[in-house]
């Protein structure tokens, strides 16, 4: 009997920072989930709109709407 290979999920939440103009994966921001009542992949809800985030590269604060 053959052994199944593993498939690994790779989740990213990419945006462009208006401060440094760099591409940012918000999930690499350590505090992204703190205080947020979000489900993975959530979008088009009040919880997934107008989220304040901080660019981990330059520290610029800005707002995003999550989409899937």
N, C-alpha and C. Protein backbone atom coordinates (compact mmCIF):
# COMPACT_ATOMS: atom_id res chain seq x y z
N UNK A 1 0.84 -1.17 0.00
CA UNK A 1 0.00 0.00 0.00
C UNK A 1 0.89 1.25 0.00
N UNK A 2 0.62 2.17 -0.92
CA UNK A 2 1.41 3.38 -1.04
C UNK A 2 1.05 4.38 0.07
N UNK A 3 2.04 5.11 0.50
CA UNK A 3 1.82 6.15 1.50
C UNK A 3 1.51 7.46 0.80
N UNK A 4 0.47 8.12 1.27
CA UNK A 4 0.10 9.42 0.68
C UNK A 4 1.16 10.47 1.00
N UNK A 5 1.40 11.33 0.04
CA UNK A 5 2.27 12.47 0.26
C UNK A 5 1.51 13.52 1.06
N UNK A 6 2.22 14.42 1.69
CA UNK A 6 1.59 15.50 2.45
C UNK A 6 1.43 16.73 1.56
N UNK A 7 0.33 17.43 1.75
CA UNK A 7 0.08 18.72 1.09
C UNK A 7 0.01 19.76 2.20
N UNK A 8 0.78 20.81 2.08
CA UNK A 8 0.89 21.81 3.12
C UNK A 8 0.19 23.10 2.71
N UNK A 9 -0.71 23.59 3.59
CA UNK A 9 -1.35 24.88 3.36
C UNK A 9 -0.29 25.97 3.48
N UNK A 10 -0.38 26.96 2.60
CA UNK A 10 0.49 28.13 2.65
C UNK A 10 -0.41 29.35 2.56
N UNK A 11 -0.65 30.00 3.68
CA UNK A 11 -1.58 31.11 3.76
C UNK A 11 -0.81 32.42 3.85
N UNK A 12 -1.22 33.40 3.03
CA UNK A 12 -0.63 34.74 3.06
C UNK A 12 -1.75 35.77 3.01
N UNK A 13 -1.46 36.94 3.51
CA UNK A 13 -2.40 38.06 3.45
C UNK A 13 -1.58 39.26 2.98
N UNK A 14 -1.57 39.46 1.67
CA UNK A 14 -0.66 40.42 1.03
C UNK A 14 -1.36 41.75 0.76
N UNK A 15 -0.64 42.83 1.05
CA UNK A 15 -1.08 44.18 0.71
C UNK A 15 0.15 45.00 0.37
N UNK A 16 -0.07 46.18 -0.18
CA UNK A 16 1.02 47.12 -0.45
C UNK A 16 0.97 48.22 0.58
N UNK A 17 2.10 48.51 1.20
CA UNK A 17 2.18 49.58 2.19
C UNK A 17 2.21 50.93 1.49
N UNK A 18 1.30 51.84 1.85
CA UNK A 18 1.34 53.16 1.25
C UNK A 18 2.52 54.01 1.74
N UNK A 19 3.17 53.58 2.82
CA UNK A 19 4.31 54.32 3.34
C UNK A 19 5.59 54.02 2.58
N UNK A 20 6.01 52.75 2.60
CA UNK A 20 7.28 52.38 1.95
C UNK A 20 7.08 51.79 0.56
N UNK A 21 5.80 51.61 0.15
CA UNK A 21 5.45 51.06 -1.16
C UNK A 21 5.85 49.60 -1.33
N UNK A 22 6.22 48.93 -0.22
CA UNK A 22 6.62 47.54 -0.29
C UNK A 22 5.43 46.60 -0.19
N UNK A 23 5.61 45.40 -0.69
CA UNK A 23 4.61 44.35 -0.56
C UNK A 23 4.77 43.72 0.82
N UNK A 24 3.66 43.60 1.55
CA UNK A 24 3.71 43.15 2.94
C UNK A 24 2.77 41.96 3.13
N UNK A 25 3.27 40.91 3.76
CA UNK A 25 2.41 39.81 4.19
C UNK A 25 2.01 40.12 5.63
N UNK A 26 0.77 40.54 5.83
CA UNK A 26 0.31 40.95 7.15
C UNK A 26 0.37 39.83 8.17
N UNK A 27 0.35 38.58 7.73
CA UNK A 27 0.44 37.47 8.66
C UNK A 27 1.83 37.32 9.26
N UNK A 28 2.81 38.00 8.69
CA UNK A 28 4.15 38.02 9.27
C UNK A 28 4.25 39.06 10.38
N UNK A 29 3.24 39.92 10.48
CA UNK A 29 3.17 40.93 11.54
C UNK A 29 2.74 40.21 12.80
N UNK A 30 3.59 40.16 13.79
CA UNK A 30 3.40 39.34 14.99
C UNK A 30 2.05 39.58 15.66
N UNK A 31 1.60 40.83 15.73
CA UNK A 31 0.38 41.17 16.45
C UNK A 31 -0.87 41.24 15.57
N UNK A 32 -0.82 40.76 14.35
CA UNK A 32 -1.96 40.90 13.45
C UNK A 32 -3.25 40.34 14.05
N UNK A 33 -3.20 39.16 14.66
CA UNK A 33 -4.41 38.51 15.18
C UNK A 33 -4.85 39.04 16.54
N UNK A 34 -3.98 39.77 17.26
CA UNK A 34 -4.30 40.24 18.60
C UNK A 34 -5.54 41.13 18.60
N UNK A 35 -6.52 40.77 19.40
CA UNK A 35 -7.73 41.58 19.56
C UNK A 35 -8.69 41.52 18.38
N UNK A 36 -8.44 40.67 17.43
CA UNK A 36 -9.31 40.57 16.26
C UNK A 36 -10.12 39.29 16.34
N UNK A 37 -11.41 39.41 16.06
CA UNK A 37 -12.28 38.24 16.04
C UNK A 37 -12.51 37.85 14.58
N UNK A 38 -11.47 37.26 13.98
CA UNK A 38 -11.48 36.90 12.56
C UNK A 38 -11.30 35.41 12.37
N UNK A 39 -11.92 34.89 11.33
CA UNK A 39 -11.68 33.53 10.90
C UNK A 39 -10.73 33.58 9.70
N UNK A 40 -9.95 32.56 9.53
CA UNK A 40 -9.06 32.46 8.38
C UNK A 40 -9.88 32.53 7.10
N UNK A 41 -9.56 33.43 6.21
CA UNK A 41 -10.28 33.59 4.94
C UNK A 41 -11.51 34.47 5.04
N UNK A 42 -11.78 35.03 6.20
CA UNK A 42 -12.97 35.87 6.36
C UNK A 42 -12.89 37.12 5.49
N UNK A 43 -14.00 37.46 4.86
CA UNK A 43 -14.08 38.67 4.06
C UNK A 43 -15.53 39.09 3.94
N UNK A 44 -15.74 40.32 3.53
CA UNK A 44 -17.08 40.88 3.35
C UNK A 44 -17.91 40.88 4.64
N UNK A 45 -17.24 40.99 5.78
CA UNK A 45 -17.92 41.09 7.06
C UNK A 45 -17.48 42.38 7.75
N UNK A 46 -18.21 42.81 8.74
CA UNK A 46 -17.80 44.02 9.46
C UNK A 46 -16.47 43.82 10.17
N UNK A 47 -16.17 42.59 10.57
CA UNK A 47 -14.90 42.31 11.25
C UNK A 47 -13.70 42.33 10.31
N UNK A 48 -13.96 42.18 9.00
CA UNK A 48 -12.85 42.10 8.04
C UNK A 48 -12.67 43.38 7.22
N UNK A 49 -13.39 44.43 7.60
CA UNK A 49 -13.29 45.71 6.89
C UNK A 49 -12.71 46.78 7.80
N UNK A 50 -11.97 47.70 7.20
CA UNK A 50 -11.43 48.85 7.92
C UNK A 50 -10.53 48.44 9.08
N UNK A 51 -9.65 47.46 8.83
CA UNK A 51 -8.73 46.99 9.86
C UNK A 51 -7.48 47.86 9.87
N UNK A 52 -7.12 48.36 11.03
CA UNK A 52 -5.88 49.10 11.14
C UNK A 52 -4.73 48.12 11.23
N UNK A 53 -3.72 48.33 10.41
CA UNK A 53 -2.53 47.48 10.41
C UNK A 53 -1.29 48.37 10.44
N UNK A 54 -0.17 47.77 10.77
CA UNK A 54 1.11 48.47 10.82
C UNK A 54 2.08 47.70 9.94
N UNK A 55 2.72 48.40 9.03
CA UNK A 55 3.71 47.76 8.18
C UNK A 55 4.88 47.29 9.05
N UNK A 56 5.21 46.00 9.02
CA UNK A 56 6.31 45.50 9.83
C UNK A 56 7.67 46.00 9.35
N UNK A 57 7.73 46.52 8.12
CA UNK A 57 9.00 47.01 7.58
C UNK A 57 9.29 48.46 7.96
N UNK A 58 8.27 49.34 7.81
CA UNK A 58 8.54 50.78 8.03
C UNK A 58 7.73 51.38 9.18
N UNK A 59 6.76 50.62 9.74
CA UNK A 59 5.98 51.13 10.86
C UNK A 59 4.80 52.00 10.49
N UNK A 60 4.54 52.19 9.19
CA UNK A 60 3.43 53.03 8.73
C UNK A 60 2.10 52.37 9.12
N UNK A 61 1.17 53.15 9.68
CA UNK A 61 -0.17 52.67 10.03
C UNK A 61 -1.13 53.01 8.89
N UNK A 62 -1.95 52.02 8.52
CA UNK A 62 -2.94 52.24 7.47
C UNK A 62 -4.08 51.25 7.65
N UNK A 63 -5.12 51.37 6.85
CA UNK A 63 -6.32 50.54 6.98
C UNK A 63 -6.50 49.67 5.74
N UNK A 64 -7.00 48.45 5.97
CA UNK A 64 -7.25 47.51 4.87
C UNK A 64 -8.62 46.86 5.03
N UNK A 65 -9.17 46.41 3.92
CA UNK A 65 -10.34 45.54 3.89
C UNK A 65 -9.85 44.19 3.40
N UNK A 66 -10.13 43.13 4.13
CA UNK A 66 -9.67 41.80 3.74
C UNK A 66 -10.56 41.22 2.66
N UNK A 67 -9.95 40.55 1.70
CA UNK A 67 -10.73 39.87 0.66
C UNK A 67 -10.10 38.51 0.42
N UNK A 68 -10.92 37.60 -0.07
CA UNK A 68 -10.48 36.23 -0.32
C UNK A 68 -10.56 35.95 -1.79
